[in-house]
Amino acid sequence: MTALISGRRFDQIQTAKKARRENRACIDHSALIAAPAPPPIVVVGNLVAGGTGKTPIVIAIARELRARGWQTGLIARGAGASLAANDAQAFLIPPDYRIAGDEAALMARHAACPIAIGRRRAQALQSLLVAAPTTEIIISDDGLQHRGLPRDLEFIVFDQRGLGTVSYTHLTLPTKRIV
């Protein structure tokens, strides 16, 4: 016996199918390889490119967590680092800015915790966990757009520009991700 589907229900089914297709298209399949679950990851990012004050917030969160007894680690891009394009490197002590980039060196020094750098944050995460296996929580600087990076909490940093007058070409993440 064939059941008839009402027009409204058919539309709902089609919308759900479309949403599933879009979600599957967004998944970074390389992240699906079985691995131990990482410690909780806090991502600090922004929606508008450049200069919203992420670095001081990452440092403040890391300091507070360390003060509360958490073994904290950082991951970052390492802009200006002397790494090959697809490499990641972890540092247990604050690295020299010529090796890790000035922002990563600054964060590691002021937060007083290990840091791993890499263009691909998932690689930086693995590098950090190998170098500092006792890490209990990780803070990612500017990782909102890295879908292959798991996350437990996201902080979106805004400056005085907010979103009101910013062109959508300057956004680093689709606004539909904001709840």
Foldseek 3Di string as FASTA:
>chain_A
DDDDDDPVRVVVVVVVVVVVVVVVVPAPVVLVPDDDDDAAEEEEAAFFPDDLPLLVVLLVVLQVCVVVPAQEEEEEAQVQAPDPQAAKAKDQAQDDCNHRNDSSSVSCHSSVGIYMHHNQRVRSRVNHCVVPVRHRYYYYYHCPLRNSDDHDHYHYGGHPVRPVPDDSVRTPDDPVVPD
